Structure formats: structure tokens, C-alpha cells
């Protein structure tokens, strides 16, 4: 398993995923990308939706350092933790 900063979790396949409602999904691919941003239209599988989000530049041009979390969860809520971390 490998976490891609700002992207998906990569897992060597084949995999079987059991969702909260008990539904089981399977993939026989040799490498499976699981969505970590929850924007995927094929959730829980990644469809690269995380790449399409653009962040507006503050009006004063201030480029403050990030906290290490994905852009969608800078405050650490609802994101599963720091980018690239466990």
C-alpha cells in the first residue's frame, strides 16, 4: 500500500472492498487506486477528480505554507489525515 500525496491510495491487486452498507466490490487489476478525497464519481475507486480542483490565489498574493493536509481538508477534518501520512 502506498499513499500518493494529494491523491489516491495505491494497493497491489487484486482486491476485495467491503463498503459500509455491506456491498462488496472487487478489482482484478494489478494496481488499484482508491479515492482519498471523496470527489470521485467512481468512489471508492479513484477517477483522478483530485487533479481537477483549482485553488484560488488570495487577493494579496499571499502564499502561506500548507499544514501537510490535502487541499480539501487543510484543517484536518474529514480527510483521513495528513497527505502522505497514515
C-alpha atoms as a PDB file:
ATOM      1  CA  UNK A   1       0.000   0.000   0.000  1.00  0.00           C
ATOM      2  CA  UNK A   2       1.220   3.483  -0.827  1.00  0.00           C
ATOM      3  CA  UNK A   3      -0.374   6.893  -0.247  1.00  0.00           C
ATOM      4  CA  UNK A   4       0.120   9.438  -3.023  1.00  0.00           C
ATOM      5  CA  UNK A   5       0.336  12.980  -1.548  1.00  0.00           C
ATOM      6  CA  UNK A   6      -2.833  14.811  -2.591  1.00  0.00           C
ATOM      7  CA  UNK A   7      -4.032  11.737  -4.452  1.00  0.00           C
ATOM      8  CA  UNK A   8      -5.171   8.148  -4.083  1.00  0.00           C
ATOM      9  CA  UNK A   9      -4.106   5.179  -2.011  1.00  0.00           C
ATOM     10  CA  UNK A  10      -2.427   2.613  -4.266  1.00  0.00           C
ATOM     11  CA  UNK A  11      -2.906  -1.035  -3.356  1.00  0.00           C
ATOM     12  CA  UNK A  12      -1.488  -4.059  -5.137  1.00  0.00           C
ATOM     13  CA  UNK A  13      -4.369  -6.082  -6.537  1.00  0.00           C
ATOM     14  CA  UNK A  14      -6.454  -7.990  -6.892  1.00  0.00           C
ATOM     15  CA  UNK A  15      -8.555  -6.516  -4.082  1.00  0.00           C
ATOM     16  CA  UNK A  16     -11.953  -7.015  -2.498  1.00  0.00           C
ATOM     17  CA  UNK A  17     -13.510  -3.972  -0.809  1.00  0.00           C
ATOM     18  CA  UNK A  18     -16.468  -4.165   1.573  1.00  0.00           C
ATOM     19  CA  UNK A  19     -18.411  -0.903   1.821  1.00  0.00           C
ATOM     20  CA  UNK A  20     -20.279   0.373   4.904  1.00  0.00           C
ATOM     21  CA  UNK A  21     -23.578  -0.961   3.552  1.00  0.00           C
ATOM     22  CA  UNK A  22     -22.113  -4.459   3.110  1.00  0.00           C
ATOM     23  CA  UNK A  23     -21.726  -4.210  -0.669  1.00  0.00           C
ATOM     24  CA  UNK A  24     -18.591  -5.990  -1.894  1.00  0.00           C
ATOM     25  CA  UNK A  25     -16.581  -4.561  -4.790  1.00  0.00           C
ATOM     26  CA  UNK A  26     -13.742  -6.430  -6.469  1.00  0.00           C
ATOM     27  CA  UNK A  27     -10.969  -5.423  -8.825  1.00  0.00           C
ATOM     28  CA  UNK A  28      -8.606  -7.845 -10.505  1.00  0.00           C
ATOM     29  CA  UNK A  29      -6.202  -5.111 -11.652  1.00  0.00           C
ATOM     30  CA  UNK A  30      -2.558  -5.465 -10.591  1.00  0.00           C
ATOM     31  CA  UNK A  31      -2.652  -1.962  -9.034  1.00  0.00           C
ATOM     32  CA  UNK A  32      -5.818  -0.387  -7.631  1.00  0.00           C
ATOM     33  CA  UNK A  33      -6.183   3.339  -6.839  1.00  0.00           C
ATOM     34  CA  UNK A  34      -8.613   4.068  -4.005  1.00  0.00           C
ATOM     35  CA  UNK A  35     -10.017   7.583  -3.690  1.00  0.00           C
ATOM     36  CA  UNK A  36      -8.955   9.525  -0.593  1.00  0.00           C
ATOM     37  CA  UNK A  37     -10.552  12.893  -1.495  1.00  0.00           C
ATOM     38  CA  UNK A  38     -14.136  11.566  -1.837  1.00  0.00           C
ATOM     39  CA  UNK A  39     -14.687  13.565  -5.074  1.00  0.00           C
ATOM     40  CA  UNK A  40     -14.520  10.523  -7.352  1.00  0.00           C
ATOM     41  CA  UNK A  41     -17.588   9.697  -9.439  1.00  0.00           C
ATOM     42  CA  UNK A  42     -16.479   6.049  -9.206  1.00  0.00           C
ATOM     43  CA  UNK A  43     -15.899   6.080  -5.423  1.00  0.00           C
ATOM     44  CA  UNK A  44     -14.277   4.162  -3.743  1.00  0.00           C
ATOM     45  CA  UNK A  45     -12.084   3.894  -6.841  1.00  0.00           C
ATOM     46  CA  UNK A  46     -10.091   6.958  -7.920  1.00  0.00           C
ATOM     47  CA  UNK A  47     -11.084   8.693 -11.172  1.00  0.00           C
ATOM     48  CA  UNK A  48      -8.455  11.493 -10.823  1.00  0.00           C
ATOM     49  CA  UNK A  49     -11.057  14.059  -9.693  1.00  0.00           C
ATOM     50  CA  UNK A  50      -8.478  15.315  -7.175  1.00  0.00           C
ATOM     51  CA  UNK A  51      -6.480  16.741 -10.120  1.00  0.00           C
ATOM     52  CA  UNK A  52      -9.311  18.947 -11.382  1.00  0.00           C
ATOM     53  CA  UNK A  53      -9.663  21.108  -8.285  1.00  0.00           C
ATOM     54  CA  UNK A  54      -8.010  24.508  -8.542  1.00  0.00           C
ATOM     55  CA  UNK A  55      -7.250  26.618  -5.518  1.00  0.00           C
ATOM     56  CA  UNK A  56      -7.925  30.356  -5.809  1.00  0.00           C
ATOM     57  CA  UNK A  57      -4.993  32.661  -5.091  1.00  0.00           C
ATOM     58  CA  UNK A  58      -5.628  35.040  -2.166  1.00  0.00           C
ATOM     59  CA  UNK A  59      -6.189  38.651  -3.335  1.00  0.00           C
ATOM     60  CA  UNK A  60      -2.948  39.854  -1.729  1.00  0.00           C
ATOM     61  CA  UNK A  61      -0.941  37.068  -3.428  1.00  0.00           C
ATOM     62  CA  UNK A  62      -0.020  35.580  -0.032  1.00  0.00           C
ATOM     63  CA  UNK A  63       1.329  32.041  -0.408  1.00  0.00           C
ATOM     64  CA  UNK A  64       1.273  30.643   3.110  1.00  0.00           C
ATOM     65  CA  UNK A  65       2.760  27.188   3.730  1.00  0.00           C
ATOM     66  CA  UNK A  66       0.269  24.342   3.922  1.00  0.00           C
ATOM     67  CA  UNK A  67      -0.319  22.226   7.004  1.00  0.00           C
ATOM     68  CA  UNK A  68       0.566  18.995   5.181  1.00  0.00           C
ATOM     69  CA  UNK A  69      -3.067  18.022   4.639  1.00  0.00           C
ATOM     70  CA  UNK A  70      -4.774  17.603   1.292  1.00  0.00           C
ATOM     71  CA  UNK A  71      -6.114  20.838  -0.172  1.00  0.00           C
ATOM     72  CA  UNK A  72      -9.653  19.680   0.539  1.00  0.00           C
ATOM     73  CA  UNK A  73      -9.051  19.340   4.287  1.00  0.00           C
ATOM     74  CA  UNK A  74      -6.462  21.831   5.492  1.00  0.00           C
ATOM     75  CA  UNK A  75      -7.905  21.838   8.983  1.00  0.00           C
ATOM     76  CA  UNK A  76      -7.577  18.051   9.180  1.00  0.00           C
ATOM     77  CA  UNK A  77     -11.288  17.289   9.233  1.00  0.00           C
ATOM     78  CA  UNK A  78     -12.911  14.662   7.029  1.00  0.00           C
ATOM     79  CA  UNK A  79      -9.762  13.758   5.137  1.00  0.00           C
ATOM     80  CA  UNK A  80      -8.241  10.747   6.795  1.00  0.00           C
ATOM     81  CA  UNK A  81      -5.102  12.505   7.999  1.00  0.00           C
ATOM     82  CA  UNK A  82      -2.070  14.257   6.598  1.00  0.00           C
ATOM     83  CA  UNK A  83      -1.124  13.921   2.961  1.00  0.00           C
ATOM     84  CA  UNK A  84       1.335  11.103   2.587  1.00  0.00           C
ATOM     85  CA  UNK A  85       0.861  10.029   6.212  1.00  0.00           C
ATOM     86  CA  UNK A  86      -1.023   7.272   7.895  1.00  0.00           C
END
